[in-house]
Amino acid sequence: MKPKFFRKVLDNGMIVIFEKRDIPVVAVSFAVRHGGINEDFSEKGISHFIEHMLYKGTPTRNALQISSEIEKNGGDLNGLTDEAITLYYCKMPSIHLDIALEVLSDMVKNPVFSEEEINKERKVIFEEMKMRKDNPRIHVLDKAQSFLYDAPFGLDLIGTEETMGSIDRKKIVEKFKEVYKPNNMILCVVGDADFNELVSFVEKNFSKEKGKVNSFEIKKINKTHIEKRKGIDQANLVFSYHVPLAGDKQSYAAKLLSVLMGGGLSSRLFNEIREKRNLAYSVKADSIITKDYAYSFVYVGTTKENVEKVKKLILEEFKKVSGELDEKELNEVKEQIIGNYQISMEDSQSQMMNLLSFEINGNAQNFYEFEKNIKEVKLEEVKEISKLPLEKNSFFALIPE
């Protein structure tokens, strides 16, 4: 059945995207087109800082009232910051859609940015930094980007101790006023709602003020480094490489290759590293493909002694794929990806994220072409992409001292 999908660019520049569903649940989000790719050295982490602060209160709602209005009506409230987007969202019974829209729009329009709350939340973010660094797996995955891209983009999305220490209320308010305008926003709703009512809500509740976002050069690099740390028993490593950007048909071949290599228990690297040789417990691969940057990576948790052996096995497997991949295996992976795609659509919140991802990288309508684009990937295209990590790659490992 063809999804009931609607998209409109309003006069104030805000984009409203909507997928109609009949079950009495709705996922609602206001997305702002601003993240790590829009931050310079001195402001790294400001998008994430602002995200935290928007939950702290408006002139008419304090932090408890914001969360209570959603949760006491059966909803779930959350937010996230990514490289190209800052997102505020909830999932609610559809009879309370008006509450979701009112609370979320109040948050993105009217934060108070209390000086006291800013200083308190700064401490929370410092603790979040420590948590991420203390978790070896998260730490190496966070580091992967810095081994593929030069600063400022290569810096951690959460910021540094220096930037988090220097970003004050004045900087936060200036950035908010500069960015948080309707032309930089997307309202995305999936569930039991009416599209015309969503459009009407935005037209009545948002001005026609224009905002802007900065952009900085994203410069590719390749680096290798091994970091030693006391107090850990396992080595964690990430092997990564650049792939074609979203919008390039070859990006679908890159996605397919990533699933082939480490997308589950039946993947090539899981079988080669864990099942055949028992060198690791966790072996995973994934791709992060956007219109601004794109890379694939392999993550493995192994022993200190086996780090180089695992890296060699990864390279050998890419070489094998470039020469021996056949149509049968290719079609099996296509079926796996298409099946995962269809399953991802089941949950309204997951589907909301899918549509936003495609909107940020072009147009949400393109999401519905994903299955066709995967089916059209040719064998030779995957073989060609598999040569990329053999030519250039980045590698980072965190090992016991």
Protein backbone atom coordinates (compact mmCIF):
# COMPACT_ATOMS: atom_id res chain seq x y z
CA MET A 1 0.00 0.00 0.00
CA LYS A 2 1.34 3.40 -1.00
CA PRO A 3 1.95 5.65 2.05
CA LYS A 4 -0.18 8.77 2.43
CA PHE A 5 2.64 11.31 2.33
CA PHE A 6 2.39 15.11 2.26
CA ARG A 7 5.07 17.81 2.04
CA LYS A 8 4.80 21.58 1.79
CA VAL A 9 7.19 24.51 1.94
CA LEU A 10 5.33 27.34 3.67
CA ASP A 11 5.61 31.07 2.97
CA ASN A 12 7.78 31.53 6.07
CA GLY A 13 10.20 28.87 4.80
CA MET A 14 9.30 26.11 7.25
CA ILE A 15 8.84 22.69 5.68
CA VAL A 16 5.98 20.51 6.92
CA ILE A 17 6.25 16.78 6.17
CA PHE A 18 3.60 14.28 7.19
CA GLU A 19 2.82 10.58 6.79
CA LYS A 20 -0.76 9.65 7.62
CA ARG A 21 -1.45 6.57 9.75
CA ASP A 22 -4.70 5.28 11.21
CA ILE A 23 -3.53 3.96 14.59
CA PRO A 24 -4.17 6.45 17.45
CA VAL A 25 -0.53 7.42 17.95
CA VAL A 26 1.49 10.32 16.61
CA ALA A 27 5.21 11.11 16.48
CA VAL A 28 5.92 14.84 16.32
CA SER A 29 9.19 16.72 15.87
CA PHE A 30 10.52 20.18 15.24
CA ALA A 31 13.91 19.90 13.56
CA VAL A 32 16.38 22.76 13.19
CA ARG A 33 18.90 22.69 10.35
CA HIS A 34 21.92 23.30 12.53
CA GLY A 35 24.52 20.97 14.01
CA GLY A 36 28.21 20.18 14.12
CA ILE A 37 28.85 20.99 10.45
CA ASN A 38 27.76 24.57 11.14
CA GLU A 39 30.14 25.20 14.06
CA ASP A 40 33.54 26.86 14.03
CA PHE A 41 36.39 26.02 16.44
CA SER A 42 35.33 28.51 19.13
CA GLU A 43 31.70 27.37 19.25
CA LYS A 44 32.06 23.61 18.92
CA GLY A 45 29.29 21.99 20.92
CA ILE A 46 26.95 25.01 20.96
CA SER A 47 24.19 23.19 19.04
CA HIS A 48 24.18 20.44 21.66
CA PHE A 49 24.29 23.00 24.48
CA ILE A 50 21.26 24.83 23.06
CA GLU A 51 19.41 21.52 22.72
CA HIS A 52 19.89 20.83 26.42
CA MET A 53 18.76 24.34 27.35
CA LEU A 54 15.49 24.25 25.43
CA TYR A 55 14.16 21.72 27.94
CA LYS A 56 14.86 24.08 30.85
CA GLY A 57 11.90 26.39 30.47
CA THR A 58 10.00 29.13 28.65
CA PRO A 59 8.17 32.19 30.06
CA THR A 60 5.03 30.07 30.49
CA ARG A 61 6.48 26.62 31.32
CA ASN A 62 9.31 25.57 33.61
CA ALA A 63 11.32 22.39 32.99
CA LEU A 64 8.93 20.22 35.02
CA GLN A 65 5.88 21.59 33.23
CA ILE A 66 7.44 20.92 29.82
CA SER A 67 8.06 17.27 30.63
CA SER A 68 4.83 16.82 32.61
CA GLU A 69 2.53 18.10 29.86
CA ILE A 70 3.93 15.44 27.54
CA GLU A 71 4.43 12.56 29.97
CA LYS A 72 1.24 12.96 32.02
CA ASN A 73 -0.68 12.63 28.77
CA GLY A 74 1.02 9.35 27.87
CA GLY A 75 3.82 10.82 25.80
CA ASP A 76 7.57 10.38 25.62
CA LEU A 77 9.74 13.49 25.20
CA ASN A 78 13.28 13.55 23.85
CA GLY A 79 15.81 15.40 21.74
CA LEU A 80 19.09 14.91 19.90
CA THR A 81 21.84 16.83 18.21
CA ASP A 82 23.53 15.52 15.08
CA GLU A 83 25.97 17.00 12.60
CA ALA A 84 23.30 18.66 10.44
CA ILE A 85 20.25 18.80 12.69
CA THR A 86 19.02 19.53 16.21
CA LEU A 87 15.80 17.75 16.99
CA TYR A 88 13.03 18.08 19.60
CA TYR A 89 10.43 15.34 19.49
CA CYS A 90 7.80 13.31 21.28
CA LYS A 91 5.48 10.38 20.74
CA MET A 92 1.91 10.80 21.99
CA PRO A 93 -1.60 9.39 21.80
CA SER A 94 -2.98 11.24 18.77
CA ILE A 95 -5.83 12.77 20.79
CA HIS A 96 -3.14 14.91 22.44
CA LEU A 97 -1.49 16.11 19.22
CA ASP A 98 -2.39 19.70 20.14
CA ILE A 99 -0.38 19.40 23.36
CA ALA A 100 2.64 18.03 21.51
CA LEU A 101 2.55 20.88 19.00
CA GLU A 102 2.05 23.56 21.65
CA VAL A 103 4.80 22.34 23.98
CA LEU A 104 7.41 21.68 21.28
CA SER A 105 6.73 24.95 19.47
CA ASP A 106 6.97 26.86 22.76
CA MET A 107 10.37 25.24 23.37
CA VAL A 108 11.82 26.14 19.96
CA LYS A 109 10.43 29.69 20.01
CA ASN A 110 10.64 30.89 23.60
CA PRO A 111 13.48 29.48 25.72
CA VAL A 112 14.46 31.70 28.65
CA PHE A 113 18.13 30.63 28.85
CA SER A 114 18.46 31.22 32.58
CA GLU A 115 22.05 32.07 33.52
CA GLU A 116 21.78 29.79 36.54
CA GLU A 117 20.47 26.88 34.44
CA ILE A 118 23.17 27.40 31.80
CA ASN A 119 25.90 27.06 34.42
CA LYS A 120 24.23 24.00 35.93
CA GLU A 121 23.77 22.34 32.54
CA ARG A 122 27.38 23.04 31.61
CA LYS A 123 28.35 20.70 34.47
CA VAL A 124 25.98 18.06 33.11
CA ILE A 125 27.64 18.26 29.69
CA PHE A 126 31.09 17.93 31.26
CA GLU A 127 29.83 14.72 32.91
CA GLU A 128 28.45 13.55 29.57
CA MET A 129 31.91 14.10 28.04
CA LYS A 130 33.48 11.95 30.77
CA MET A 131 30.86 9.25 30.30
CA ARG A 132 31.56 9.06 26.57
CA LYS A 133 35.32 8.99 27.06
CA ASP A 134 35.11 6.36 29.82
CA ASN A 135 33.15 3.99 27.56
CA PRO A 136 35.80 2.50 25.22
CA ARG A 137 33.33 1.60 22.49
CA ILE A 138 31.69 5.03 22.42
CA HIS A 139 35.12 6.68 22.61
CA VAL A 140 36.51 4.96 19.50
CA LEU A 141 33.32 5.58 17.52
CA ASP A 142 33.42 9.25 18.53
CA LYS A 143 37.05 9.39 17.40
CA ALA A 144 36.34 7.86 13.98
CA GLN A 145 35.20 11.15 12.47
CA SER A 146 38.30 13.02 13.65
CA PHE A 147 40.42 10.50 11.75
CA LEU A 148 38.50 11.16 8.53
CA TYR A 149 37.96 14.94 8.66
CA ASP A 150 40.05 17.91 9.69
CA ALA A 151 38.89 20.35 12.38
CA PRO A 152 36.53 22.02 13.05
CA PHE A 153 34.23 19.34 11.62
CA GLY A 154 36.43 16.56 12.94
CA LEU A 155 36.06 17.78 16.52
CA ASP A 156 33.60 15.99 18.80
CA LEU A 157 29.98 17.04 18.33
CA ILE A 158 29.65 17.51 22.10
CA GLY A 159 32.46 20.08 22.04
CA THR A 160 35.70 20.32 23.98
CA GLU A 161 36.45 21.30 27.57
CA GLU A 162 37.72 24.64 26.25
CA THR A 163 34.63 25.48 24.18
CA MET A 164 32.21 24.26 26.83
CA GLY A 165 34.02 26.44 29.34
CA SER A 166 33.86 29.55 27.16
CA ILE A 167 30.35 29.37 25.65
CA ASP A 168 28.34 31.76 27.83
CA ARG A 169 24.74 32.96 27.84
CA LYS A 170 25.50 35.78 25.39
CA LYS A 171 26.87 33.36 22.79
CA ILE A 172 24.00 30.94 23.27
CA VAL A 173 21.33 33.63 22.91
CA GLU A 174 23.05 35.11 19.83
CA LYS A 175 23.28 31.74 18.14
CA PHE A 176 19.68 30.88 18.99
CA LYS A 177 18.39 34.19 17.58
CA GLU A 178 20.48 33.71 14.45
CA VAL A 179 19.43 30.13 13.73
CA TYR A 180 16.05 29.29 15.28
CA LYS A 181 13.81 30.83 12.64
CA PRO A 182 11.06 29.15 10.58
CA ASN A 183 13.10 29.00 7.36
CA ASN A 184 15.62 26.78 9.18
CA MET A 185 12.97 24.46 10.64
CA ILE A 186 11.09 21.31 9.67
CA LEU A 187 7.90 20.07 11.30
CA CYS A 188 7.68 16.31 10.81
CA VAL A 189 4.64 14.31 11.93
CA VAL A 190 3.87 10.63 11.47
CA GLY A 191 0.55 9.25 12.69
CA ASP A 192 -3.13 10.01 13.00
CA ALA A 193 -3.36 13.71 12.18
CA ASP A 194 -4.59 16.10 9.51
CA PHE A 195 -2.05 17.73 7.20
CA ASN A 196 -4.03 20.93 6.67
CA GLU A 197 -4.33 21.40 10.42
CA LEU A 198 -0.55 21.01 10.80
CA VAL A 199 0.05 23.63 8.13
CA SER A 200 -2.50 25.92 9.76
CA PHE A 201 -0.81 25.56 13.15
CA VAL A 202 2.56 26.65 11.74
CA GLU A 203 1.07 29.57 9.82
CA LYS A 204 -0.69 30.84 12.95
CA ASN A 205 2.11 30.29 15.44
CA PHE A 206 5.35 31.08 13.59
CA SER A 207 6.56 34.40 12.18
CA LYS A 208 8.16 35.05 8.80
CA GLU A 209 11.51 36.05 10.29
CA LYS A 210 14.51 34.69 8.42
CA GLY A 211 17.51 33.05 10.03
CA LYS A 212 20.83 31.84 8.71
CA VAL A 213 23.30 29.05 9.36
CA ASN A 214 27.04 29.18 8.83
CA SER A 215 28.89 26.62 6.77
CA PHE A 216 32.54 25.62 6.90
CA GLU A 217 34.76 23.57 4.64
CA ILE A 218 34.65 19.85 5.36
CA LYS A 219 38.16 18.67 4.57
CA LYS A 220 38.89 14.95 4.17
CA ILE A 221 41.92 13.38 5.82
CA ASN A 222 43.14 9.90 6.73
CA LYS A 223 44.98 9.08 9.94
CA THR A 224 46.04 6.08 11.99
CA HIS A 225 46.64 6.05 15.73
CA ILE A 226 46.69 3.64 18.66
CA GLU A 227 45.86 5.04 22.10
CA LYS A 228 46.82 3.23 25.30
CA ARG A 229 44.78 3.40 28.49
CA LYS A 230 45.09 1.92 31.95
CA GLY A 231 42.18 0.09 33.56
CA ILE A 232 40.66 -1.55 30.49
CA ASP A 233 40.89 -5.18 29.46
CA GLN A 234 39.67 -5.11 25.86
CA ALA A 235 40.99 -3.39 22.75
CA ASN A 236 38.40 -1.45 20.76
CA LEU A 237 39.10 -0.46 17.18
CA VAL A 238 37.40 1.33 14.32
CA PHE A 239 38.43 1.01 10.67
CA SER A 240 36.87 3.68 8.46
CA TYR A 241 36.90 5.06 4.92
CA HIS A 242 35.25 7.78 2.81
CA VAL A 243 32.36 6.86 0.51
CA PRO A 244 30.20 8.80 -2.02
CA LEU A 245 27.83 11.46 -0.68
CA ALA A 246 24.05 11.13 -0.48
CA GLY A 247 22.59 12.04 -3.85
CA ASP A 248 25.27 10.05 -5.65
CA LYS A 249 23.83 6.74 -6.89
CA GLN A 250 27.05 5.08 -5.72
CA SER A 251 26.05 5.85 -2.13
CA TYR A 252 23.57 2.97 -2.28
CA ALA A 253 26.38 0.62 -3.26
CA ALA A 254 28.34 1.91 -0.24
CA LYS A 255 25.38 1.20 2.04
CA LEU A 256 25.05 -2.28 0.59
CA LEU A 257 28.75 -2.99 1.05
CA SER A 258 28.59 -1.94 4.69
CA VAL A 259 25.74 -4.38 5.42
CA LEU A 260 27.53 -7.12 3.51
CA MET A 261 30.65 -6.64 5.61
CA GLY A 262 29.22 -6.20 9.09
CA GLY A 263 25.45 -5.86 9.09
CA GLY A 264 24.52 -8.77 11.31
CA LEU A 265 25.49 -12.27 12.38
CA SER A 266 25.55 -13.53 8.78
CA SER A 267 27.89 -10.79 7.55
CA ARG A 268 31.31 -11.53 6.10
CA LEU A 269 33.40 -9.91 8.83
CA PHE A 270 31.33 -11.34 11.68
CA ASN A 271 31.80 -14.79 10.18
CA GLU A 272 35.50 -14.30 9.44
CA ILE A 273 36.57 -12.62 12.70
CA ARG A 274 34.24 -14.11 15.29
CA GLU A 275 32.82 -17.38 13.98
CA LYS A 276 35.91 -18.77 12.24
CA ARG A 277 38.66 -17.37 14.47
CA ASN A 278 36.97 -16.41 17.77
CA LEU A 279 38.94 -13.14 17.83
CA ALA A 280 36.08 -10.90 18.98
CA TYR A 281 32.65 -10.76 20.55
CA SER A 282 31.36 -7.65 18.78
CA VAL A 283 31.89 -7.07 15.06
CA LYS A 284 29.76 -4.41 13.37
CA ALA A 285 29.82 -2.21 10.30
CA ASP A 286 27.71 0.80 9.34
CA SER A 287 27.57 3.82 7.05
CA ILE A 288 26.89 7.48 7.76
CA ILE A 289 25.97 9.00 4.43
CA THR A 290 24.80 12.61 4.06
CA LYS A 291 24.91 15.28 1.37
CA ASP A 292 27.82 16.98 3.17
CA TYR A 293 29.98 14.05 4.31
CA ALA A 294 29.88 10.28 4.05
CA TYR A 295 31.88 7.40 5.46
CA SER A 296 31.63 3.75 6.39
CA PHE A 297 33.26 2.02 9.33
CA VAL A 298 33.92 -1.33 10.93
CA TYR A 299 34.01 -1.64 14.72
CA VAL A 300 35.59 -4.61 16.52
CA GLY A 301 36.20 -5.37 20.19
CA THR A 302 39.16 -7.75 20.54
CA THR A 303 42.32 -8.39 22.54
CA LYS A 304 45.35 -6.11 22.47
CA GLU A 305 47.43 -8.84 20.81
CA ASN A 306 44.95 -9.29 17.95
CA VAL A 307 44.48 -5.67 16.85
CA GLU A 308 46.82 -5.87 13.86
CA LYS A 309 45.55 -9.32 12.92
CA VAL A 310 41.94 -8.03 12.89
CA LYS A 311 42.92 -5.02 10.79
CA LYS A 312 44.61 -7.33 8.30
CA LEU A 313 41.52 -9.55 8.13
CA ILE A 314 39.30 -6.52 7.44
CA LEU A 315 41.50 -5.45 4.53
CA GLU A 316 41.68 -8.98 3.18
CA GLU A 317 37.90 -9.27 3.24
CA PHE A 318 37.43 -6.05 1.28
CA LYS A 319 39.92 -7.37 -1.25
CA LYS A 320 37.98 -10.63 -1.54
CA VAL A 321 34.73 -8.76 -2.15
CA SER A 322 36.34 -6.67 -4.89
CA GLY A 323 37.16 -9.88 -6.75
CA GLU A 324 34.74 -12.63 -5.81
CA LEU A 325 31.37 -11.07 -4.94
CA ASP A 326 28.63 -12.69 -7.04
CA GLU A 327 25.01 -11.92 -7.93
CA LYS A 328 23.61 -14.46 -5.47
CA GLU A 329 25.31 -12.90 -2.45
CA LEU A 330 24.50 -9.41 -3.69
CA ASN A 331 20.80 -10.22 -3.99
CA GLU A 332 20.75 -11.76 -0.51
CA VAL A 333 22.12 -8.54 0.97
CA LYS A 334 19.62 -6.49 -1.01
CA GLU A 335 16.80 -8.53 0.50
CA GLN A 336 18.28 -7.99 3.98
CA ILE A 337 18.46 -4.21 3.51
CA ILE A 338 14.97 -3.97 2.03
CA GLY A 339 13.58 -6.07 4.87
CA ASN A 340 15.27 -3.82 7.45
CA TYR A 341 13.90 -0.78 5.60
CA GLN A 342 10.38 -2.13 5.76
CA ILE A 343 10.68 -3.02 9.45
CA SER A 344 11.99 0.47 10.24
CA MET A 345 8.72 1.90 8.92
CA GLU A 346 6.63 -0.02 11.46
CA ASP A 347 7.21 2.38 14.37
CA SER A 348 5.96 5.93 13.84
CA GLN A 349 8.91 7.50 15.67
CA SER A 350 11.42 5.49 13.65
CA GLN A 351 9.63 6.53 10.48
CA MET A 352 9.72 10.16 11.58
CA MET A 353 13.52 9.86 11.85
CA ASN A 354 13.69 8.21 8.41
CA LEU A 355 11.77 11.04 6.78
CA LEU A 356 13.80 13.74 8.52
CA SER A 357 17.05 12.13 7.44
CA PHE A 358 15.98 12.17 3.80
CA GLU A 359 14.62 15.72 4.09
CA ILE A 360 17.89 17.03 5.52
CA ASN A 361 19.74 15.39 2.64
CA GLY A 362 17.39 16.48 -0.12
CA ASN A 363 13.69 15.67 0.08
CA ALA A 364 11.72 13.37 2.40
CA GLN A 365 9.82 12.05 -0.63
CA ASN A 366 13.03 10.27 -1.69
CA PHE A 367 12.66 7.91 1.26
CA TYR A 368 10.01 6.02 -0.65
CA GLU A 369 12.47 5.45 -3.52
CA PHE A 370 14.99 3.70 -1.24
CA GLU A 371 13.88 0.16 -2.07
CA LYS A 372 14.02 0.82 -5.82
CA ASN A 373 17.48 2.41 -5.53
CA ILE A 374 18.82 -0.57 -3.58
CA LYS A 375 17.44 -3.02 -6.14
CA GLU A 376 19.17 -1.08 -8.93
CA VAL A 377 22.66 -1.38 -7.41
CA LYS A 378 24.89 -3.35 -9.77
CA LEU A 379 27.48 -5.96 -8.86
CA GLU A 380 30.35 -3.99 -10.37
CA GLU A 381 29.39 -0.89 -8.39
CA VAL A 382 29.77 -2.74 -5.08
CA LYS A 383 33.07 -4.24 -6.22
CA GLU A 384 34.36 -0.78 -7.11
CA ILE A 385 33.32 0.70 -3.74
CA SER A 386 35.07 -2.20 -1.96
CA LYS A 387 38.37 -0.96 -3.44
CA LEU A 388 38.08 2.40 -1.66
CA PRO A 389 39.25 1.19 1.79
CA LEU A 390 42.14 -0.64 0.12
CA GLU A 391 43.35 2.64 -1.37
CA LYS A 392 42.73 4.97 1.60
CA ASN A 393 41.49 4.31 5.12
CA SER A 394 41.69 5.56 8.69
CA PHE A 395 42.26 3.48 11.79
CA PHE A 396 41.96 4.13 15.51
CA ALA A 397 42.36 1.67 18.38
CA LEU A 398 42.09 2.07 22.14
CA ILE A 399 44.12 -0.67 23.80
CA PRO A 400 45.05 -1.68 27.37
CA GLU A 401 48.33 -0.20 28.56
